[in-house]
Amino acid sequence: MKTFNDIWALLQPKVEYEQLKGKCRNLWESFSSDKQDYIYSRIEEKKKRKEFVDYNPKFAIEKNSAAPKPQVMSYNDYYAKYGTTEERDGWKMANPTGNRVIYVKTT
């Protein structure tokens, strides 16, 4: 379980954002421990890959609290791209309607 101090240390906000610490703490504590772990992991991974994480710690927490939207590819497009129906590169076969197979990838 990640604490507020953990996320604050990970974000390393500049001095000008210090006045947001209370609001950030309240926001952080409004999430379940599972959601906190998700947010922390997501920000940690972005930092490892040198991806942008908002400089404003409140925005950084908010923006990384939402689950990413899945990418969807039709069966035909998937087969054209990979030449197989086997799951690859994080794509998973799904049949949400029971009538049509699609491939879904969450990044």
C-alpha atoms as a PDB file:
ATOM      1  CA  MET A   1       0.000   0.000   0.000  1.00  0.00           C
ATOM      2  CA  LYS A   2       1.374   3.363  -1.037  1.00  0.00           C
ATOM      3  CA  THR A   3       1.032   6.347   1.275  1.00  0.00           C
ATOM      4  CA  PHE A   4       0.617   9.986   0.388  1.00  0.00           C
ATOM      5  CA  ASN A   5       4.268  10.535   1.278  1.00  0.00           C
ATOM      6  CA  ASP A   6       5.199   7.855  -1.278  1.00  0.00           C
ATOM      7  CA  ILE A   7       3.320   9.532  -4.127  1.00  0.00           C
ATOM      8  CA  TRP A   8       4.572  12.982  -3.111  1.00  0.00           C
ATOM      9  CA  ALA A   9       8.159  11.717  -3.168  1.00  0.00           C
ATOM     10  CA  LEU A  10       7.597  10.037  -6.546  1.00  0.00           C
ATOM     11  CA  LEU A  11       6.157  13.200  -8.062  1.00  0.00           C
ATOM     12  CA  GLN A  12       8.891  15.440  -6.635  1.00  0.00           C
ATOM     13  CA  PRO A  13       6.845  18.604  -7.149  1.00  0.00           C
ATOM     14  CA  LYS A  14       8.603  21.954  -7.453  1.00  0.00           C
ATOM     15  CA  VAL A  15       8.424  24.381  -4.539  1.00  0.00           C
ATOM     16  CA  GLU A  16       5.695  26.454  -6.208  1.00  0.00           C
ATOM     17  CA  TYR A  17       3.291  23.494  -5.853  1.00  0.00           C
ATOM     18  CA  GLU A  18       3.830  23.113  -2.107  1.00  0.00           C
ATOM     19  CA  GLN A  19       0.569  24.992  -1.407  1.00  0.00           C
ATOM     20  CA  LEU A  20      -1.309  22.138  -3.153  1.00  0.00           C
ATOM     21  CA  LYS A  21      -0.025  19.508  -0.756  1.00  0.00           C
ATOM     22  CA  GLY A  22      -3.197  19.522   1.383  1.00  0.00           C
ATOM     23  CA  LYS A  23      -5.493  19.269  -1.651  1.00  0.00           C
ATOM     24  CA  CYS A  24      -3.337  16.496  -3.086  1.00  0.00           C
ATOM     25  CA  ARG A  25      -3.434  14.619   0.217  1.00  0.00           C
ATOM     26  CA  ASN A  26      -7.247  14.868   0.319  1.00  0.00           C
ATOM     27  CA  LEU A  27      -7.502  13.689  -3.282  1.00  0.00           C
ATOM     28  CA  TRP A  28      -5.083  10.806  -2.654  1.00  0.00           C
ATOM     29  CA  GLU A  29      -6.946   9.719   0.474  1.00  0.00           C
ATOM     30  CA  SER A  30     -10.270   9.758  -1.403  1.00  0.00           C
ATOM     31  CA  PHE A  31      -9.075   6.748  -3.430  1.00  0.00           C
ATOM     32  CA  SER A  32      -9.140   3.128  -2.308  1.00  0.00           C
ATOM     33  CA  SER A  33      -5.775   1.530  -1.560  1.00  0.00           C
ATOM     34  CA  ASP A  34      -6.068  -0.487  -4.799  1.00  0.00           C
ATOM     35  CA  LYS A  35      -6.644   2.709  -6.796  1.00  0.00           C
ATOM     36  CA  GLN A  36      -3.730   4.389  -5.000  1.00  0.00           C
ATOM     37  CA  ASP A  37      -1.457   1.484  -5.940  1.00  0.00           C
ATOM     38  CA  TYR A  38      -2.697   1.720  -9.541  1.00  0.00           C
ATOM     39  CA  ILE A  39      -1.989   5.464  -9.736  1.00  0.00           C
ATOM     40  CA  TYR A  40       1.429   5.095  -8.151  1.00  0.00           C
ATOM     41  CA  SER A  41       2.405   2.247 -10.499  1.00  0.00           C
ATOM     42  CA  ARG A  42       1.170   4.121 -13.548  1.00  0.00           C
ATOM     43  CA  ILE A  43       3.164   7.254 -12.686  1.00  0.00           C
ATOM     44  CA  GLU A  44       6.212   5.197 -11.763  1.00  0.00           C
ATOM     45  CA  GLU A  45       6.098   3.389 -15.126  1.00  0.00           C
ATOM     46  CA  LYS A  46       5.722   6.654 -17.035  1.00  0.00           C
ATOM     47  CA  LYS A  47       8.728   8.104 -15.235  1.00  0.00           C
ATOM     48  CA  LYS A  48      10.799   4.990 -15.978  1.00  0.00           C
ATOM     49  CA  ARG A  49       9.929   5.321 -19.680  1.00  0.00           C
ATOM     50  CA  LYS A  50      10.691   9.063 -19.459  1.00  0.00           C
ATOM     51  CA  GLU A  51       7.121   9.921 -20.446  1.00  0.00           C
ATOM     52  CA  PHE A  52       5.555  13.208 -19.411  1.00  0.00           C
ATOM     53  CA  VAL A  53       3.867  13.354 -16.009  1.00  0.00           C
ATOM     54  CA  ASP A  54       2.134  16.655 -15.265  1.00  0.00           C
ATOM     55  CA  TYR A  55       4.266  19.057 -13.225  1.00  0.00           C
ATOM     56  CA  ASN A  56       1.239  19.978 -11.134  1.00  0.00           C
ATOM     57  CA  PRO A  57       0.959  17.103  -8.622  1.00  0.00           C
ATOM     58  CA  LYS A  58      -2.836  17.396  -8.332  1.00  0.00           C
ATOM     59  CA  PHE A  59      -3.237  17.101 -12.101  1.00  0.00           C
ATOM     60  CA  ALA A  60      -0.718  14.262 -12.207  1.00  0.00           C
ATOM     61  CA  ILE A  61      -2.750  12.282  -9.680  1.00  0.00           C
ATOM     62  CA  GLU A  62      -6.080  13.073 -11.361  1.00  0.00           C
ATOM     63  CA  LYS A  63      -4.901  12.287 -14.891  1.00  0.00           C
ATOM     64  CA  ASN A  64      -3.421   8.957 -13.851  1.00  0.00           C
ATOM     65  CA  SER A  65      -6.436   7.858 -11.824  1.00  0.00           C
ATOM     66  CA  ALA A  66      -8.535   7.019 -14.879  1.00  0.00           C
ATOM     67  CA  ALA A  67      -8.123   3.617 -16.447  1.00  0.00           C
ATOM     68  CA  PRO A  68      -6.746   3.852 -19.962  1.00  0.00           C
ATOM     69  CA  LYS A  69      -9.215   3.429 -22.799  1.00  0.00           C
ATOM     70  CA  PRO A  70      -8.718   0.123 -24.565  1.00  0.00           C
ATOM     71  CA  GLN A  71      -7.695  -0.041 -28.196  1.00  0.00           C
ATOM     72  CA  VAL A  72      -9.958  -2.180 -30.363  1.00  0.00           C
ATOM     73  CA  MET A  73      -9.178  -3.944 -33.630  1.00  0.00           C
ATOM     74  CA  SER A  74     -11.502  -6.035 -35.772  1.00  0.00           C
ATOM     75  CA  TYR A  75     -10.801  -9.714 -36.345  1.00  0.00           C
ATOM     76  CA  ASN A  76     -10.027  -9.054 -40.027  1.00  0.00           C
ATOM     77  CA  ASP A  77      -7.683  -6.137 -39.280  1.00  0.00           C
ATOM     78  CA  TYR A  78      -5.895  -8.166 -36.607  1.00  0.00           C
ATOM     79  CA  TYR A  79      -5.390 -11.084 -38.975  1.00  0.00           C
ATOM     80  CA  ALA A  80      -4.169  -8.756 -41.727  1.00  0.00           C
ATOM     81  CA  LYS A  81      -1.633  -7.198 -39.376  1.00  0.00           C
ATOM     82  CA  TYR A  82      -0.329 -10.335 -37.631  1.00  0.00           C
ATOM     83  CA  GLY A  83      -1.187 -13.124 -40.080  1.00  0.00           C
ATOM     84  CA  THR A  84      -2.598 -15.185 -37.204  1.00  0.00           C
ATOM     85  CA  THR A  85      -5.451 -15.215 -34.703  1.00  0.00           C
ATOM     86  CA  GLU A  86      -3.093 -15.959 -31.792  1.00  0.00           C
ATOM     87  CA  GLU A  87      -2.869 -13.214 -29.181  1.00  0.00           C
ATOM     88  CA  ARG A  88       0.254 -11.056 -29.555  1.00  0.00           C
ATOM     89  CA  ASP A  89       1.761  -7.770 -28.348  1.00  0.00           C
ATOM     90  CA  GLY A  90      -0.745  -7.375 -25.507  1.00  0.00           C
ATOM     91  CA  TRP A  91      -3.815  -7.888 -27.721  1.00  0.00           C
ATOM     92  CA  LYS A  92      -6.516 -10.163 -26.291  1.00  0.00           C
ATOM     93  CA  MET A  93      -9.329 -11.814 -28.201  1.00  0.00           C
ATOM     94  CA  ALA A  94     -12.785 -10.765 -27.024  1.00  0.00           C
ATOM     95  CA  ASN A  95     -16.346 -11.541 -28.008  1.00  0.00           C
ATOM     96  CA  PRO A  96     -18.371  -8.863 -26.192  1.00  0.00           C
ATOM     97  CA  THR A  97     -21.610  -9.298 -28.135  1.00  0.00           C
ATOM     98  CA  GLY A  98     -21.461 -13.024 -28.715  1.00  0.00           C
ATOM     99  CA  ASN A  99     -21.695 -12.364 -32.445  1.00  0.00           C
ATOM    100  CA  ARG A 100     -18.422 -10.714 -33.394  1.00  0.00           C
ATOM    101  CA  VAL A 101     -14.829 -11.387 -32.351  1.00  0.00           C
ATOM    102  CA  ILE A 102     -12.606  -8.377 -31.778  1.00  0.00           C
ATOM    103  CA  TYR A 103      -9.159  -7.841 -30.291  1.00  0.00           C
ATOM    104  CA  VAL A 104      -8.660  -5.477 -27.364  1.00  0.00           C
ATOM    105  CA  LYS A 105      -5.451  -3.965 -25.997  1.00  0.00           C
ATOM    106  CA  THR A 106      -5.174  -1.813 -22.888  1.00  0.00           C
ATOM    107  CA  THR A 107      -2.005   0.260 -22.697  1.00  0.00           C
END
